[in-house]
C-alpha atoms as a PDB file:
ATOM      1  CA  MET A   1       3.924  20.525   0.713  1.00  0.00           C
ATOM      2  CA  HIS A   2       0.420  18.858   0.690  1.00  0.00           C
ATOM      3  CA  LEU A   3      -0.400  14.929   1.685  1.00  0.00           C
ATOM      4  CA  GLN A   4      -3.782  13.021   1.484  1.00  0.00           C
ATOM      5  CA  THR A   5      -5.273   9.777   0.642  1.00  0.00           C
ATOM      6  CA  LEU A   6      -6.971   8.368  -2.276  1.00  0.00           C
ATOM      7  CA  ASP A   7      -9.650   5.801  -2.380  1.00  0.00           C
ATOM      8  CA  THR A   8      -9.427   3.441  -4.910  1.00  0.00           C
ATOM      9  CA  ASP A   9     -11.592   0.134  -5.286  1.00  0.00           C
ATOM     10  CA  TYR A  10     -11.895  -2.448  -2.267  1.00  0.00           C
ATOM     11  CA  PHE A  11     -11.543  -6.088  -2.904  1.00  0.00           C
ATOM     12  CA  LYS A  12     -11.713  -9.523  -0.741  1.00  0.00           C
ATOM     13  CA  LEU A  13      -9.122 -11.696   0.871  1.00  0.00           C
ATOM     14  CA  ASP A  14      -9.441 -14.301   2.828  1.00  0.00           C
ATOM     15  CA  GLY A  15      -9.747 -13.670   6.761  1.00  0.00           C
ATOM     16  CA  GLY A  16      -7.595 -16.646   7.939  1.00  0.00           C
ATOM     17  CA  ALA A  17      -4.838 -15.390   5.213  1.00  0.00           C
ATOM     18  CA  MET A  18      -4.699 -11.516   6.251  1.00  0.00           C
ATOM     19  CA  PHE A  19      -4.293 -12.682  10.180  1.00  0.00           C
ATOM     20  CA  GLY A  20      -2.040 -15.485  10.089  1.00  0.00           C
ATOM     21  CA  VAL A  21      -2.683 -18.182  13.032  1.00  0.00           C
ATOM     22  CA  VAL A  22      -4.542 -15.806  15.056  1.00  0.00           C
ATOM     23  CA  PRO A  23      -7.880 -17.511  15.327  1.00  0.00           C
ATOM     24  CA  LYS A  24     -11.370 -16.635  13.698  1.00  0.00           C
ATOM     25  CA  PRO A  25     -12.966 -15.580  16.926  1.00  0.00           C
ATOM     26  CA  LEU A  26     -10.595 -13.074  17.485  1.00  0.00           C
ATOM     27  CA  TRP A  27     -10.428 -11.332  13.825  1.00  0.00           C
ATOM     28  CA  GLN A  28     -13.782 -11.861  12.913  1.00  0.00           C
ATOM     29  CA  LYS A  29     -14.339  -8.957  15.162  1.00  0.00           C
ATOM     30  CA  LEU A  30     -12.091  -6.792  13.602  1.00  0.00           C
ATOM     31  CA  ASN A  31     -13.291  -7.071   9.943  1.00  0.00           C
ATOM     32  CA  PRO A  32     -16.437  -9.795   9.889  1.00  0.00           C
ATOM     33  CA  ALA A  33     -15.931 -12.233   6.875  1.00  0.00           C
ATOM     34  CA  ASP A  34     -18.750 -13.189   4.257  1.00  0.00           C
ATOM     35  CA  GLU A  35     -19.981 -17.169   3.272  1.00  0.00           C
ATOM     36  CA  LEU A  36     -16.762 -17.943   1.820  1.00  0.00           C
ATOM     37  CA  ASN A  37     -14.542 -16.144   4.301  1.00  0.00           C
ATOM     38  CA  ARG A  38     -13.216 -13.462   2.955  1.00  0.00           C
ATOM     39  CA  CYS A  39     -13.061  -9.882   4.376  1.00  0.00           C
ATOM     40  CA  THR A  40     -13.241  -6.517   2.352  1.00  0.00           C
ATOM     41  CA  TRP A  41     -10.051  -4.387   2.534  1.00  0.00           C
ATOM     42  CA  ALA A  42      -9.166  -1.177   1.074  1.00  0.00           C
ATOM     43  CA  MET A  43      -6.370  -0.812  -1.040  1.00  0.00           C
ATOM     44  CA  ARG A  44      -5.413   3.013  -0.161  1.00  0.00           C
ATOM     45  CA  CYS A  45      -2.889   5.070  -1.838  1.00  0.00           C
ATOM     46  CA  LEU A  46      -1.385   8.449  -1.223  1.00  0.00           C
ATOM     47  CA  LEU A  47      -1.033  12.050  -3.081  1.00  0.00           C
ATOM     48  CA  TYR A  48       2.007  13.789  -2.303  1.00  0.00           C
ATOM     49  CA  GLU A  49       2.904  17.424  -3.461  1.00  0.00           C
ATOM     50  CA  GLU A  50       6.056  19.365  -2.775  1.00  0.00           C
ATOM     51  CA  ALA A  51       7.582  21.939  -4.988  1.00  0.00           C
ATOM     52  CA  GLY A  52       5.593  20.865  -8.079  1.00  0.00           C
ATOM     53  CA  GLN A  53       6.197  17.726  -8.017  1.00  0.00           C
ATOM     54  CA  LEU A  54       3.441  15.149  -7.416  1.00  0.00           C
ATOM     55  CA  LEU A  55       3.929  11.877  -5.743  1.00  0.00           C
ATOM     56  CA  LEU A  56       1.795   8.988  -6.041  1.00  0.00           C
ATOM     57  CA  VAL A  57       2.366   5.879  -3.449  1.00  0.00           C
ATOM     58  CA  ASP A  58       0.931   2.253  -4.957  1.00  0.00           C
ATOM     59  CA  THR A  59      -1.510   2.143  -7.531  1.00  0.00           C
ATOM     60  CA  GLY A  60      -4.228  -0.704  -6.328  1.00  0.00           C
ATOM     61  CA  ILE A  61      -5.093  -3.123  -8.986  1.00  0.00           C
ATOM     62  CA  GLY A  62      -6.303  -1.503 -12.156  1.00  0.00           C
ATOM     63  CA  ASP A  63      -8.662  -2.532 -14.224  1.00  0.00           C
ATOM     64  CA  LYS A  64      -6.865  -4.471 -17.705  1.00  0.00           C
ATOM     65  CA  GLN A  65      -7.166  -7.994 -15.585  1.00  0.00           C
ATOM     66  CA  ASP A  66     -10.260  -9.999 -16.481  1.00  0.00           C
ATOM     67  CA  ALA A  67     -13.618 -11.177 -15.444  1.00  0.00           C
ATOM     68  CA  LYS A  68     -12.371 -14.419 -13.836  1.00  0.00           C
ATOM     69  CA  PHE A  69      -9.280 -12.682 -11.792  1.00  0.00           C
ATOM     70  CA  PHE A  70     -11.378  -9.897 -10.269  1.00  0.00           C
ATOM     71  CA  GLY A  71     -14.085 -12.507  -9.576  1.00  0.00           C
ATOM     72  CA  HIS A  72     -11.521 -14.173  -6.705  1.00  0.00           C
ATOM     73  CA  TYR A  73     -11.735 -10.866  -5.711  1.00  0.00           C
ATOM     74  CA  ASP A  74     -14.957  -9.634  -5.495  1.00  0.00           C
ATOM     75  CA  LEU A  75     -13.212  -6.532  -6.907  1.00  0.00           C
ATOM     76  CA  HIS A  76     -15.902  -3.510  -6.468  1.00  0.00           C
ATOM     77  CA  ARG A  77     -16.231   0.461  -5.504  1.00  0.00           C
ATOM     78  CA  GLY A  78     -16.710   1.578  -1.795  1.00  0.00           C
ATOM     79  CA  ASP A  79     -20.415   2.752  -0.351  1.00  0.00           C
ATOM     80  CA  GLY A  80     -19.154   6.100  -0.052  1.00  0.00           C
ATOM     81  CA  PRO A  81     -19.890   9.599  -2.048  1.00  0.00           C
ATOM     82  CA  GLY A  82     -17.728   9.763  -5.287  1.00  0.00           C
ATOM     83  CA  GLU A  83     -15.752   7.699  -7.213  1.00  0.00           C
ATOM     84  CA  SER A  84     -13.604   5.600  -5.583  1.00  0.00           C
ATOM     85  CA  SER A  85     -11.193   4.429  -8.453  1.00  0.00           C
ATOM     86  CA  LEU A  86      -7.599   5.725  -8.940  1.00  0.00           C
ATOM     87  CA  LEU A  87      -8.086   8.375 -11.660  1.00  0.00           C
ATOM     88  CA  GLY A  88     -10.816   9.158  -9.897  1.00  0.00           C
ATOM     89  CA  SER A  89      -9.699   9.738  -7.183  1.00  0.00           C
ATOM     90  CA  ILE A  90      -6.733  12.089  -8.560  1.00  0.00           C
ATOM     91  CA  ARG A  91      -9.256  13.951 -10.632  1.00  0.00           C
ATOM     92  CA  GLY A  92     -11.385  14.184  -7.546  1.00  0.00           C
ATOM     93  CA  ALA A  93      -8.322  15.973  -5.827  1.00  0.00           C
ATOM     94  CA  GLY A  94      -7.864  18.550  -8.589  1.00  0.00           C
ATOM     95  CA  TYR A  95      -5.464  16.640 -11.122  1.00  0.00           C
ATOM     96  CA  ASP A  96      -5.370  14.455 -13.969  1.00  0.00           C
ATOM     97  CA  ALA A  97      -3.013  11.551 -14.463  1.00  0.00           C
ATOM     98  CA  ALA A  98      -0.510  13.498 -16.790  1.00  0.00           C
ATOM     99  CA  ASP A  99       0.101  15.530 -13.497  1.00  0.00           C
ATOM    100  CA  ILE A 100       1.667  13.182 -11.599  1.00  0.00           C
ATOM    101  CA  THR A 101       5.993  13.159 -11.704  1.00  0.00           C
ATOM    102  CA  ASP A 102       6.609  10.259  -9.715  1.00  0.00           C
ATOM    103  CA  VAL A 103       5.079   6.906  -8.596  1.00  0.00           C
ATOM    104  CA  LEU A 104       6.577   5.160  -5.536  1.00  0.00           C
ATOM    105  CA  LEU A 105       5.832   1.313  -5.686  1.00  0.00           C
ATOM    106  CA  THR A 106       6.244   0.523  -2.216  1.00  0.00           C
ATOM    107  CA  HIS A 107       6.128  -3.530  -3.360  1.00  0.00           C
ATOM    108  CA  MET A 108       4.732  -4.914  -7.044  1.00  0.00           C
ATOM    109  CA  HIS A 109       2.439  -7.490  -6.004  1.00  0.00           C
ATOM    110  CA  PHE A 110      -0.664  -7.091  -7.845  1.00  0.00           C
ATOM    111  CA  ASP A 111      -2.791  -5.017  -5.723  1.00  0.00           C
ATOM    112  CA  HIS A 112      -0.089  -2.610  -5.074  1.00  0.00           C
ATOM    113  CA  VAL A 113       1.143  -2.054  -8.975  1.00  0.00           C
ATOM    114  CA  GLY A 114      -1.778  -3.071 -11.405  1.00  0.00           C
ATOM    115  CA  GLY A 115      -2.468   0.242 -11.341  1.00  0.00           C
ATOM    116  CA  ALA A 116       0.478   1.376 -13.006  1.00  0.00           C
ATOM    117  CA  VAL A 117      -0.053  -0.204 -15.868  1.00  0.00           C
ATOM    118  CA  LYS A 118      -3.411  -0.348 -18.708  1.00  0.00           C
ATOM    119  CA  ARG A 119      -4.167  -1.541 -21.558  1.00  0.00           C
ATOM    120  CA  GLU A 120      -4.739   0.336 -24.849  1.00  0.00           C
ATOM    121  CA  ALA A 121      -5.637  -1.240 -27.737  1.00  0.00           C
ATOM    122  CA  ASP A 122      -3.246  -3.934 -28.243  1.00  0.00           C
ATOM    123  CA  ARG A 123      -0.082  -2.518 -25.686  1.00  0.00           C
ATOM    124  CA  LEU A 124       0.365  -2.713 -22.246  1.00  0.00           C
ATOM    125  CA  ILE A 125       1.791   0.853 -21.105  1.00  0.00           C
ATOM    126  CA  PRO A 126       2.468   3.330 -18.198  1.00  0.00           C
ATOM    127  CA  VAL A 127      -0.926   4.807 -17.228  1.00  0.00           C
ATOM    128  CA  PHE A 128       0.742   7.630 -15.764  1.00  0.00           C
ATOM    129  CA  PRO A 129       2.737   9.030 -19.457  1.00  0.00           C
ATOM    130  CA  ASN A 130       5.039  11.454 -17.835  1.00  0.00           C
ATOM    131  CA  ALA A 131       5.846   9.710 -14.091  1.00  0.00           C
ATOM    132  CA  THR A 132       9.098   8.354 -12.906  1.00  0.00           C
ATOM    133  CA  TYR A 133       8.111   5.018 -11.528  1.00  0.00           C
ATOM    134  CA  TRP A 134      10.013   4.228  -8.608  1.00  0.00           C
ATOM    135  CA  VAL A 135      11.091   0.733  -6.669  1.00  0.00           C
ATOM    136  CA  HIS A 136      13.921  -0.850  -4.695  1.00  0.00           C
ATOM    137  CA  PRO A 137      16.811  -2.761  -7.085  1.00  0.00           C
ATOM    138  CA  ASP A 138      16.223  -6.014  -5.112  1.00  0.00           C
ATOM    139  CA  HIS A 139      12.684  -5.930  -5.035  1.00  0.00           C
ATOM    140  CA  TRP A 140      12.611  -5.720  -8.842  1.00  0.00           C
ATOM    141  CA  ASN A 141      15.031  -8.760  -9.100  1.00  0.00           C
ATOM    142  CA  TRP A 142      12.829 -10.709  -6.528  1.00  0.00           C
ATOM    143  CA  ALA A 143       9.311  -9.709  -8.697  1.00  0.00           C
ATOM    144  CA  VAL A 144      10.836 -10.344 -12.059  1.00  0.00           C
ATOM    145  CA  HIS A 145      12.198 -13.893 -10.874  1.00  0.00           C
ATOM    146  CA  PRO A 146       9.462 -15.283  -8.577  1.00  0.00           C
ATOM    147  CA  ASN A 147       9.726 -17.192  -5.849  1.00  0.00           C
ATOM    148  CA  PRO A 148       6.702 -20.306  -5.681  1.00  0.00           C
ATOM    149  CA  ARG A 149       5.231 -18.766  -2.774  1.00  0.00           C
ATOM    150  CA  GLU A 150       4.389 -15.238  -4.056  1.00  0.00           C
ATOM    151  CA  LYS A 151       4.339 -15.701  -8.511  1.00  0.00           C
ATOM    152  CA  ALA A 152       0.573 -16.000  -8.274  1.00  0.00           C
ATOM    153  CA  SER A 153       1.000 -12.147  -6.670  1.00  0.00           C
ATOM    154  CA  PHE A 154       3.790 -10.552  -9.515  1.00  0.00           C
ATOM    155  CA  LEU A 155       2.123 -10.695 -12.465  1.00  0.00           C
ATOM    156  CA  ARG A 156       4.202  -9.744 -15.618  1.00  0.00           C
ATOM    157  CA  GLU A 157       2.174  -7.416 -17.371  1.00  0.00           C
ATOM    158  CA  ASN A 158       1.856  -5.289 -14.411  1.00  0.00           C
ATOM    159  CA  ILE A 159       5.765  -5.030 -13.835  1.00  0.00           C
ATOM    160  CA  LEU A 160       7.561  -5.118 -17.551  1.00  0.00           C
ATOM    161  CA  PRO A 161       5.710  -2.530 -19.027  1.00  0.00           C
ATOM    162  CA  LEU A 162       7.218   0.067 -16.781  1.00  0.00           C
ATOM    163  CA  GLN A 163      10.904  -1.192 -17.608  1.00  0.00           C
ATOM    164  CA  GLU A 164      10.179  -1.640 -20.961  1.00  0.00           C
ATOM    165  CA  SER A 165       9.038   2.272 -20.936  1.00  0.00           C
ATOM    166  CA  GLY A 166      12.091   3.258 -19.893  1.00  0.00           C
ATOM    167  CA  GLN A 167      10.107   5.359 -17.058  1.00  0.00           C
ATOM    168  CA  MET A 168      11.570   2.992 -14.328  1.00  0.00           C
ATOM    169  CA  LYS A 169      14.238   3.990 -12.001  1.00  0.00           C
ATOM    170  CA  PHE A 170      15.733   2.116  -8.776  1.00  0.00           C
ATOM    171  CA  LEU A 171      15.830   3.869  -5.542  1.00  0.00           C
ATOM    172  CA  SER A 172      19.212   2.915  -4.521  1.00  0.00           C
ATOM    173  CA  GLU A 173      20.943   4.297  -7.896  1.00  0.00           C
ATOM    174  CA  THR A 174      19.347   7.771  -7.579  1.00  0.00           C
ATOM    175  CA  ILE A 175      18.796   9.979  -5.094  1.00  0.00           C
ATOM    176  CA  PHE A 176      14.876  10.208  -4.318  1.00  0.00           C
ATOM    177  CA  PRO A 177      13.708  13.698  -5.651  1.00  0.00           C
ATOM    178  CA  TYR A 178      11.571  14.474  -2.177  1.00  0.00           C
ATOM    179  CA  ALA A 179      13.754  16.829   0.625  1.00  0.00           C
ATOM    180  CA  ASP A 180      10.870  15.283   3.213  1.00  0.00           C
ATOM    181  CA  THR A 181      10.500  12.165   2.632  1.00  0.00           C
ATOM    182  CA  TYR A 182      12.661   9.513   3.783  1.00  0.00           C
ATOM    183  CA  LEU A 183      11.998   5.634   2.605  1.00  0.00           C
ATOM    184  CA  GLN A 184      12.972   2.786   5.192  1.00  0.00           C
ATOM    185  CA  TYR A 185      12.841  -0.904   3.938  1.00  0.00           C
ATOM    186  CA  VAL A 186      11.565  -3.970   5.179  1.00  0.00           C
ATOM    187  CA  ASP A 187      11.664  -7.551   4.186  1.00  0.00           C
ATOM    188  CA  GLY A 188       9.264  -9.497   6.176  1.00  0.00           C
ATOM    189  CA  HIS A 189       6.209  -9.421   3.725  1.00  0.00           C
ATOM    190  CA  THR A 190       8.186  -9.444   0.541  1.00  0.00           C
ATOM    191  CA  GLU A 191      11.982  -8.932  -0.412  1.00  0.00           C
ATOM    192  CA  LYS A 192      12.759  -5.060   0.123  1.00  0.00           C
ATOM    193  CA  MET A 193       9.543  -3.602   0.393  1.00  0.00           C
ATOM    194  CA  THR A 194       9.318   0.431   0.453  1.00  0.00           C
ATOM    195  CA  LEU A 195       8.007   2.629   3.411  1.00  0.00           C
ATOM    196  CA  PRO A 196       7.679   6.105   2.531  1.00  0.00           C
ATOM    197  CA  LEU A 197       7.804   8.749   5.400  1.00  0.00           C
ATOM    198  CA  PHE A 198       7.132  12.472   5.419  1.00  0.00           C
ATOM    199  CA  ARG A 199       7.625  15.167   7.449  1.00  0.00           C
ATOM    200  CA  ILE A 200       4.378  17.469   7.536  1.00  0.00           C
ATOM    201  CA  ASN A 201       3.777  19.933  10.011  1.00  0.00           C
ATOM    202  CA  GLY A 202       6.491  18.376  12.260  1.00  0.00           C
ATOM    203  CA  ARG A 203       4.899  15.316  12.465  1.00  0.00           C
ATOM    204  CA  THR A 204       5.797  12.270  10.830  1.00  0.00           C
ATOM    205  CA  VAL A 205       3.352  10.301   8.289  1.00  0.00           C
ATOM    206  CA  ALA A 206       4.027   6.912   7.851  1.00  0.00           C
ATOM    207  CA  PHE A 207       2.781   4.433   5.036  1.00  0.00           C
ATOM    208  CA  MET A 208       3.010   1.356   6.633  1.00  0.00           C
ATOM    209  CA  ALA A 209       1.634  -0.799   3.339  1.00  0.00           C
ATOM    210  CA  ASP A 210       1.792  -4.295   3.895  1.00  0.00           C
ATOM    211  CA  LEU A 211       4.020  -4.291   7.258  1.00  0.00           C
ATOM    212  CA  ILE A 212       0.661  -3.151   8.846  1.00  0.00           C
ATOM    213  CA  PRO A 213      -1.968  -3.658   6.843  1.00  0.00           C
ATOM    214  CA  SER A 214      -5.287  -2.643   8.839  1.00  0.00           C
ATOM    215  CA  SER A 215      -5.439  -0.907  12.529  1.00  0.00           C
ATOM    216  CA  GLY A 216      -6.092  -4.511  13.662  1.00  0.00           C
ATOM    217  CA  HIS A 217      -2.771  -5.699  12.650  1.00  0.00           C
ATOM    218  CA  VAL A 218      -0.820  -3.397  15.288  1.00  0.00           C
ATOM    219  CA  PRO A 219      -1.156  -6.218  17.853  1.00  0.00           C
ATOM    220  CA  LEU A 220       2.600  -7.884  17.500  1.00  0.00           C
ATOM    221  CA  PRO A 221       1.011 -11.756  16.697  1.00  0.00           C
ATOM    222  CA  TYR A 222      -1.239 -10.493  13.957  1.00  0.00           C
ATOM    223  CA  VAL A 223       1.008 -10.940  10.623  1.00  0.00           C
ATOM    224  CA  MET A 224      -0.566 -12.246   7.603  1.00  0.00           C
ATOM    225  CA  SER A 225      -0.205 -15.755   5.913  1.00  0.00           C
ATOM    226  CA  TYR A 226       1.168 -13.688   3.270  1.00  0.00           C
ATOM    227  CA  ASP A 227       4.406 -12.739   4.588  1.00  0.00           C
ATOM    228  CA  ILE A 228       7.499 -14.767   3.655  1.00  0.00           C
ATOM    229  CA  ARG A 229       9.470 -14.188   6.699  1.00  0.00           C
ATOM    230  CA  PRO A 230       6.683 -13.975   9.045  1.00  0.00           C
ATOM    231  CA  LEU A 231       8.684 -13.932  12.774  1.00  0.00           C
ATOM    232  CA  LEU A 232      10.895 -11.074  10.746  1.00  0.00           C
ATOM    233  CA  THR A 233       7.697  -9.128  10.028  1.00  0.00           C
ATOM    234  CA  MET A 234       6.925  -9.086  13.779  1.00  0.00           C
ATOM    235  CA  ASP A 235      10.383  -8.003  14.144  1.00  0.00           C
ATOM    236  CA  GLU A 236      10.062  -5.306  12.336  1.00  0.00           C
ATOM    237  CA  LYS A 237       6.505  -4.055  13.489  1.00  0.00           C
ATOM    238  CA  LYS A 238       7.904  -3.853  16.900  1.00  0.00           C
ATOM    239  CA  ASN A 239      10.687  -1.442  15.866  1.00  0.00           C
ATOM    240  CA  VAL A 240       8.208   0.711  13.844  1.00  0.00           C
ATOM    241  CA  LEU A 241       5.787   0.901  16.307  1.00  0.00           C
ATOM    242  CA  GLN A 242       8.030   1.737  19.478  1.00  0.00           C
ATOM    243  CA  GLN A 243       9.559   4.718  17.284  1.00  0.00           C
ATOM    244  CA  ALA A 244       5.750   5.711  16.295  1.00  0.00           C
ATOM    245  CA  ALA A 245       4.917   5.271  19.740  1.00  0.00           C
ATOM    246  CA  ASP A 246       7.784   7.317  21.093  1.00  0.00           C
ATOM    247  CA  GLU A 247       7.637  10.110  18.264  1.00  0.00           C
ATOM    248  CA  ASN A 248       4.031  10.241  17.774  1.00  0.00           C
ATOM    249  CA  TRP A 249       3.977   9.431  14.093  1.00  0.00           C
ATOM    250  CA  ILE A 250       1.076   9.165  12.136  1.00  0.00           C
ATOM    251  CA  LEU A 251       0.454   5.777  10.462  1.00  0.00           C
ATOM    252  CA  VAL A 252      -1.608   5.424   7.382  1.00  0.00           C
ATOM    253  CA  PHE A 253      -3.199   2.018   6.569  1.00  0.00           C
ATOM    254  CA  GLU A 254      -3.304   0.991   2.824  1.00  0.00           C
ATOM    255  CA  HIS A 255      -5.814  -1.913   3.417  1.00  0.00           C
ATOM    256  CA  ASP A 256      -8.244  -0.957   5.990  1.00  0.00           C
ATOM    257  CA  PRO A 257     -11.467  -0.502   5.217  1.00  0.00           C
ATOM    258  CA  VAL A 258     -12.755   1.764   7.529  1.00  0.00           C
ATOM    259  CA  THR A 259      -9.909   3.421   9.274  1.00  0.00           C
ATOM    260  CA  GLU A 260      -7.152   5.700   7.266  1.00  0.00           C
ATOM    261  CA  ALA A 261      -4.704   6.657  10.012  1.00  0.00           C
ATOM    262  CA  ALA A 262      -3.747   6.275  13.772  1.00  0.00           C
ATOM    263  CA  THR A 263      -1.681   7.011  16.212  1.00  0.00           C
ATOM    264  CA  VAL A 264      -0.676   4.050  19.069  1.00  0.00           C
ATOM    265  CA  GLU A 265       0.950   4.238  22.779  1.00  0.00           C
ATOM    266  CA  LEU A 266       2.894   1.879  24.579  1.00  0.00           C
ATOM    267  CA  THR A 267       0.205  -0.402  26.793  1.00  0.00           C
ATOM    268  CA  GLU A 268       0.184  -3.039  29.563  1.00  0.00           C
ATOM    269  CA  LYS A 269      -1.065  -5.457  26.600  1.00  0.00           C
ATOM    270  CA  GLY A 270       2.186  -3.790  24.301  1.00  0.00           C
ATOM    271  CA  ILE A 271       1.391  -1.156  21.618  1.00  0.00           C
ATOM    272  CA  ARG A 272      -1.984   0.190  20.765  1.00  0.00           C
ATOM    273  CA  ILE A 273      -4.211   2.243  18.779  1.00  0.00           C
ATOM    274  CA  LYS A 274      -4.099   5.536  20.594  1.00  0.00           C
ATOM    275  CA  GLU A 275      -6.526   7.433  18.195  1.00  0.00           C
ATOM    276  CA  LYS A 276      -7.615   7.173  15.028  1.00  0.00           C
ATOM    277  CA  GLY A 277      -9.658   8.650  11.880  1.00  0.00           C
ATOM    278  CA  LYS A 278      -8.848  10.210   8.588  1.00  0.00           C
ATOM    279  CA  LEU A 279      -5.344  11.585   7.930  1.00  0.00           C
ATOM    280  CA  ALA A 280      -6.348  15.008   7.716  1.00  0.00           C
ATOM    281  CA  GLU A 281      -7.893  15.281  10.755  1.00  0.00           C
ATOM    282  CA  PHE A 282      -4.512  14.398  12.236  1.00  0.00           C
ATOM    283  CA  LEU A 283      -2.334  17.510   9.826  1.00  0.00           C
END
C-alpha cells in the first residue's frame, strides 16, 4: 500500500470567510491577504494504492468553468517545480486518468468535485472513465437539493454527470473496497462530509477535508464562515483532535498552501501543532 499527496491548482478565498469570527490581526499572521482581502489556498488531493486498486480522494476545482468564474477565485498554478494540475500530478506519480479505480468525494462543493467532470465537445463526462465515484447518500441529496446558503457551491455540472454516467455509488449502500481505510462522517461544514482515515505502517493518516482545512484552523475557534453548523464543527474538531493527539495521528490538510501534514499535541492552550511537514516525511 502507498499513500501520497497530489498538488492541484491554487485559488483565493476571502480571509474573513475562511477564519470566521477570528479577528484579521490574528489570521493575517497565518495566511496574509492580498489587496482584496483574499488568501491563497491549496486544493490538495490524496492518491492511495492498495492491492492493485487506485483511490483518488477529492479532485480539486477542474477546468471546465469560464474565465469569469475562475476570475472570482484567481485560479493559478503553484510556484514550485512541475505541473500542479490534478492530471499533471497523477501523471507525475506514474499513472494516468484511466488507472484510477475509485474516487472518494469528501463532499461536493465545487473546489472538491470540479475536477471529477470534464467538458468534451457538448458533453459533460467523468474525467476518470474506469472509476467508481463514492459519496455519502445524504450528502448527495443535500447537494442536488441545495439550501440557499450553499447553492453557489453545489454546481449541477459538477454533480449530475457522475450519476448519469452510471459510475456513482453511495457509501452506505455498498462496502467501501479498501480494507485499511476507515470513513468518518461529520456534519458541521456540510451534511455528511466524509473524512477518510488510512492505516499505514502502524500509523493513522486522516484527511481533514474542510473540517480542519489548514494547520491554522487547528485551534477550536478557527471555524470557517462557510460552515452551516459552526458550533457542531467545533465539537467535531474537538473530538477528532483529541483522538489525533492521543493516538499520534498524521493529519493531512487539503487547503493549507504550505503545510501538507502535521501531528498535534495537548498544550496548556489546548490542542496545537506538534510537528509539521510533508506527508512522506511522516511515513
